[in-house]
Amino acid sequence: MDLSKFEEAVAKSKTLSERPSNDVLLKLYALYKQVTEGDVHGERPGGFDFKGAAKYDAWEAQKGKSKDDAAKEYIELVNSLT
């Protein structure tokens, strides 16, 4: 994996002219976490932490995906937004 391309995409994601939809933001978050930390860990937030639960669920959906594949998908998604 070319980490510099991933880092460029991360930087580019922070300078998008339009804010992506919540679904796209969750996908970016989940792919980023999969690349940087691997499979989801810890307890799923409960109660009224809807945002935390949504982020956990999005990350869990990436479970088993290799860091290389997640990075490629992240880069492609960011590029499609610019």
N, C-alpha and C. Protein backbone atom coordinates (compact mmCIF):
# COMPACT_ATOMS: atom_id res chain seq x y z
N MET A 1 0.84 -1.19 0.00
CA MET A 1 0.00 0.00 0.00
C MET A 1 0.88 1.25 0.00
N ASP A 2 0.53 2.19 -0.81
CA ASP A 2 1.24 3.46 -0.86
C ASP A 2 0.60 4.39 0.17
N LEU A 3 1.22 4.46 1.34
CA LEU A 3 0.66 5.24 2.44
C LEU A 3 0.56 6.73 2.10
N SER A 4 1.47 7.23 1.26
CA SER A 4 1.43 8.66 0.92
C SER A 4 0.15 9.01 0.16
N LYS A 5 -0.33 8.11 -0.71
CA LYS A 5 -1.57 8.38 -1.43
C LYS A 5 -2.76 8.40 -0.47
N PHE A 6 -2.73 7.51 0.51
CA PHE A 6 -3.79 7.49 1.52
C PHE A 6 -3.76 8.79 2.32
N GLU A 7 -2.57 9.21 2.75
CA GLU A 7 -2.45 10.45 3.53
C GLU A 7 -2.88 11.66 2.72
N GLU A 8 -2.59 11.66 1.41
CA GLU A 8 -3.04 12.75 0.53
C GLU A 8 -4.57 12.77 0.48
N ALA A 9 -5.18 11.59 0.39
CA ALA A 9 -6.64 11.51 0.33
C ALA A 9 -7.25 11.99 1.64
N VAL A 10 -6.62 11.66 2.77
CA VAL A 10 -7.11 12.13 4.07
C VAL A 10 -7.08 13.66 4.11
N ALA A 11 -5.97 14.24 3.67
CA ALA A 11 -5.86 15.70 3.64
C ALA A 11 -6.90 16.30 2.70
N LYS A 12 -7.10 15.67 1.55
CA LYS A 12 -8.06 16.16 0.57
C LYS A 12 -9.48 16.09 1.13
N SER A 13 -9.76 15.06 1.93
CA SER A 13 -11.12 14.91 2.48
C SER A 13 -11.49 16.04 3.43
N LYS A 14 -10.48 16.69 3.98
CA LYS A 14 -10.73 17.78 4.93
C LYS A 14 -10.93 19.13 4.24
N THR A 15 -10.73 19.16 2.92
CA THR A 15 -10.85 20.42 2.19
C THR A 15 -11.91 20.35 1.09
N LEU A 16 -12.86 19.44 1.24
CA LEU A 16 -13.92 19.32 0.23
C LEU A 16 -14.77 20.58 0.23
N SER A 17 -15.18 21.01 -0.97
CA SER A 17 -15.96 22.24 -1.08
C SER A 17 -17.37 22.06 -0.55
N GLU A 18 -17.92 20.85 -0.68
CA GLU A 18 -19.26 20.58 -0.15
C GLU A 18 -19.18 19.47 0.89
N ARG A 19 -20.00 19.59 1.92
CA ARG A 19 -20.04 18.55 2.95
C ARG A 19 -20.78 17.34 2.40
N PRO A 20 -20.13 16.16 2.43
CA PRO A 20 -20.81 14.96 1.93
C PRO A 20 -21.99 14.57 2.82
N SER A 21 -22.82 13.69 2.30
CA SER A 21 -23.96 13.20 3.09
C SER A 21 -23.46 12.42 4.30
N ASN A 22 -24.32 12.24 5.27
CA ASN A 22 -23.94 11.49 6.47
C ASN A 22 -23.51 10.06 6.14
N ASP A 23 -24.16 9.44 5.15
CA ASP A 23 -23.78 8.09 4.74
C ASP A 23 -22.35 8.05 4.23
N VAL A 24 -21.99 9.04 3.42
CA VAL A 24 -20.63 9.11 2.87
C VAL A 24 -19.63 9.39 3.99
N LEU A 25 -19.99 10.29 4.90
CA LEU A 25 -19.10 10.59 6.02
C LEU A 25 -18.86 9.36 6.88
N LEU A 26 -19.90 8.57 7.12
CA LEU A 26 -19.74 7.34 7.89
C LEU A 26 -18.85 6.35 7.17
N LYS A 27 -19.00 6.26 5.85
CA LYS A 27 -18.16 5.35 5.06
C LYS A 27 -16.70 5.79 5.13
N LEU A 28 -16.45 7.09 4.99
CA LEU A 28 -15.08 7.61 5.10
C LEU A 28 -14.50 7.30 6.47
N TYR A 29 -15.29 7.53 7.51
CA TYR A 29 -14.85 7.26 8.88
C TYR A 29 -14.48 5.79 9.04
N ALA A 30 -15.38 4.91 8.59
CA ALA A 30 -15.19 3.48 8.77
C ALA A 30 -13.95 2.99 8.01
N LEU A 31 -13.77 3.45 6.80
CA LEU A 31 -12.60 3.04 6.01
C LEU A 31 -11.32 3.56 6.64
N TYR A 32 -11.36 4.81 7.12
CA TYR A 32 -10.18 5.39 7.79
C TYR A 32 -9.80 4.55 9.01
N LYS A 33 -10.79 4.22 9.84
CA LYS A 33 -10.53 3.43 11.03
C LYS A 33 -10.01 2.03 10.67
N GLN A 34 -10.53 1.45 9.60
CA GLN A 34 -10.09 0.12 9.18
C GLN A 34 -8.63 0.16 8.75
N VAL A 35 -8.23 1.23 8.07
CA VAL A 35 -6.83 1.38 7.64
C VAL A 35 -5.93 1.62 8.84
N THR A 36 -6.34 2.50 9.72
CA THR A 36 -5.44 2.93 10.80
C THR A 36 -5.46 2.02 12.02
N GLU A 37 -6.58 1.31 12.27
CA GLU A 37 -6.69 0.50 13.48
C GLU A 37 -7.06 -0.96 13.24
N GLY A 38 -7.46 -1.31 12.02
CA GLY A 38 -7.89 -2.68 11.76
C GLY A 38 -9.35 -2.88 12.14
N ASP A 39 -9.71 -4.13 12.41
CA ASP A 39 -11.10 -4.46 12.72
C ASP A 39 -11.59 -3.73 13.98
N VAL A 40 -12.88 -3.47 13.98
CA VAL A 40 -13.52 -2.78 15.10
C VAL A 40 -13.27 -3.54 16.40
N HIS A 41 -13.16 -2.79 17.48
CA HIS A 41 -12.96 -3.39 18.80
C HIS A 41 -13.71 -2.57 19.84
N GLY A 42 -13.90 -3.16 20.99
CA GLY A 42 -14.63 -2.47 22.05
C GLY A 42 -16.11 -2.72 21.98
N GLU A 43 -16.80 -2.17 22.94
CA GLU A 43 -18.25 -2.33 23.03
C GLU A 43 -18.97 -1.33 22.12
N ARG A 44 -20.09 -1.77 21.55
CA ARG A 44 -20.92 -0.87 20.75
C ARG A 44 -21.60 0.11 21.70
N PRO A 45 -21.49 1.41 21.42
CA PRO A 45 -22.18 2.39 22.27
C PRO A 45 -23.69 2.14 22.25
N GLY A 46 -24.31 2.35 23.37
CA GLY A 46 -25.75 2.12 23.46
C GLY A 46 -26.46 3.36 23.98
N GLY A 47 -27.65 3.14 24.48
CA GLY A 47 -28.42 4.24 25.03
C GLY A 47 -28.77 5.26 23.98
N PHE A 48 -28.49 6.51 24.29
CA PHE A 48 -28.83 7.59 23.37
C PHE A 48 -27.64 8.10 22.57
N ASP A 49 -26.55 7.31 22.53
CA ASP A 49 -25.38 7.70 21.74
C ASP A 49 -25.57 7.21 20.30
N PHE A 50 -26.51 7.85 19.61
CA PHE A 50 -26.85 7.44 18.25
C PHE A 50 -25.67 7.62 17.29
N LYS A 51 -24.95 8.72 17.46
CA LYS A 51 -23.80 8.99 16.59
C LYS A 51 -22.71 7.94 16.80
N GLY A 52 -22.41 7.65 18.05
CA GLY A 52 -21.39 6.66 18.36
C GLY A 52 -21.77 5.28 17.84
N ALA A 53 -23.06 4.93 17.98
CA ALA A 53 -23.53 3.63 17.50
C ALA A 53 -23.44 3.55 15.98
N ALA A 54 -23.80 4.63 15.29
CA ALA A 54 -23.73 4.66 13.83
C ALA A 54 -22.29 4.51 13.36
N LYS A 55 -21.37 5.18 14.04
CA LYS A 55 -19.95 5.08 13.67
C LYS A 55 -19.43 3.66 13.91
N TYR A 56 -19.82 3.08 15.04
CA TYR A 56 -19.41 1.71 15.36
C TYR A 56 -19.93 0.75 14.29
N ASP A 57 -21.21 0.87 13.96
CA ASP A 57 -21.83 -0.02 12.97
C ASP A 57 -21.17 0.12 11.60
N ALA A 58 -20.85 1.35 11.21
CA ALA A 58 -20.20 1.57 9.92
C ALA A 58 -18.82 0.92 9.90
N TRP A 59 -18.08 1.06 10.99
CA TRP A 59 -16.75 0.46 11.08
C TRP A 59 -16.87 -1.06 11.09
N GLU A 60 -17.84 -1.58 11.85
CA GLU A 60 -18.02 -3.03 11.93
C GLU A 60 -18.34 -3.62 10.55
N ALA A 61 -19.00 -2.85 9.70
CA ALA A 61 -19.33 -3.32 8.35
C ALA A 61 -18.07 -3.55 7.51
N GLN A 62 -16.96 -2.97 7.91
CA GLN A 62 -15.70 -3.12 7.18
C GLN A 62 -14.86 -4.29 7.72
N LYS A 63 -15.37 -4.97 8.74
CA LYS A 63 -14.63 -6.03 9.42
C LYS A 63 -14.10 -7.07 8.43
N GLY A 64 -12.83 -7.42 8.58
CA GLY A 64 -12.21 -8.41 7.72
C GLY A 64 -11.57 -7.84 6.47
N LYS A 65 -11.85 -6.59 6.16
CA LYS A 65 -11.27 -5.95 4.97
C LYS A 65 -9.81 -5.63 5.27
N SER A 66 -8.93 -5.93 4.32
CA SER A 66 -7.51 -5.65 4.53
C SER A 66 -7.27 -4.14 4.55
N LYS A 67 -6.18 -3.75 5.19
CA LYS A 67 -5.84 -2.33 5.23
C LYS A 67 -5.61 -1.79 3.83
N ASP A 68 -4.98 -2.60 2.97
CA ASP A 68 -4.75 -2.17 1.58
C ASP A 68 -6.06 -1.92 0.85
N ASP A 69 -6.99 -2.86 0.96
CA ASP A 69 -8.28 -2.70 0.28
C ASP A 69 -9.05 -1.51 0.83
N ALA A 70 -9.02 -1.34 2.15
CA ALA A 70 -9.72 -0.20 2.75
C ALA A 70 -9.10 1.12 2.30
N ALA A 71 -7.77 1.17 2.21
CA ALA A 71 -7.10 2.39 1.76
C ALA A 71 -7.45 2.70 0.32
N LYS A 72 -7.46 1.69 -0.54
CA LYS A 72 -7.82 1.91 -1.95
C LYS A 72 -9.24 2.44 -2.06
N GLU A 73 -10.15 1.83 -1.30
CA GLU A 73 -11.55 2.26 -1.33
C GLU A 73 -11.69 3.70 -0.81
N TYR A 74 -10.96 4.03 0.25
CA TYR A 74 -10.99 5.38 0.81
C TYR A 74 -10.52 6.39 -0.23
N ILE A 75 -9.40 6.09 -0.88
CA ILE A 75 -8.83 7.00 -1.90
C ILE A 75 -9.82 7.19 -3.04
N GLU A 76 -10.43 6.09 -3.51
CA GLU A 76 -11.39 6.19 -4.60
C GLU A 76 -12.62 7.02 -4.20
N LEU A 77 -13.07 6.83 -2.96
CA LEU A 77 -14.24 7.57 -2.50
C LEU A 77 -13.95 9.06 -2.41
N VAL A 78 -12.80 9.41 -1.84
CA VAL A 78 -12.42 10.83 -1.75
C VAL A 78 -12.28 11.44 -3.15
N ASN A 79 -11.63 10.71 -4.04
CA ASN A 79 -11.45 11.23 -5.41
C ASN A 79 -12.79 11.43 -6.10
N SER A 80 -13.79 10.58 -5.80
CA SER A 80 -15.10 10.74 -6.43
C SER A 80 -15.83 11.97 -5.91
N LEU A 81 -15.41 12.46 -4.75
CA LEU A 81 -16.06 13.64 -4.14
C LEU A 81 -15.45 14.95 -4.59
N THR A 82 -14.29 14.89 -5.22
CA THR A 82 -13.60 16.13 -5.62
C THR A 82 -13.77 16.42 -7.09
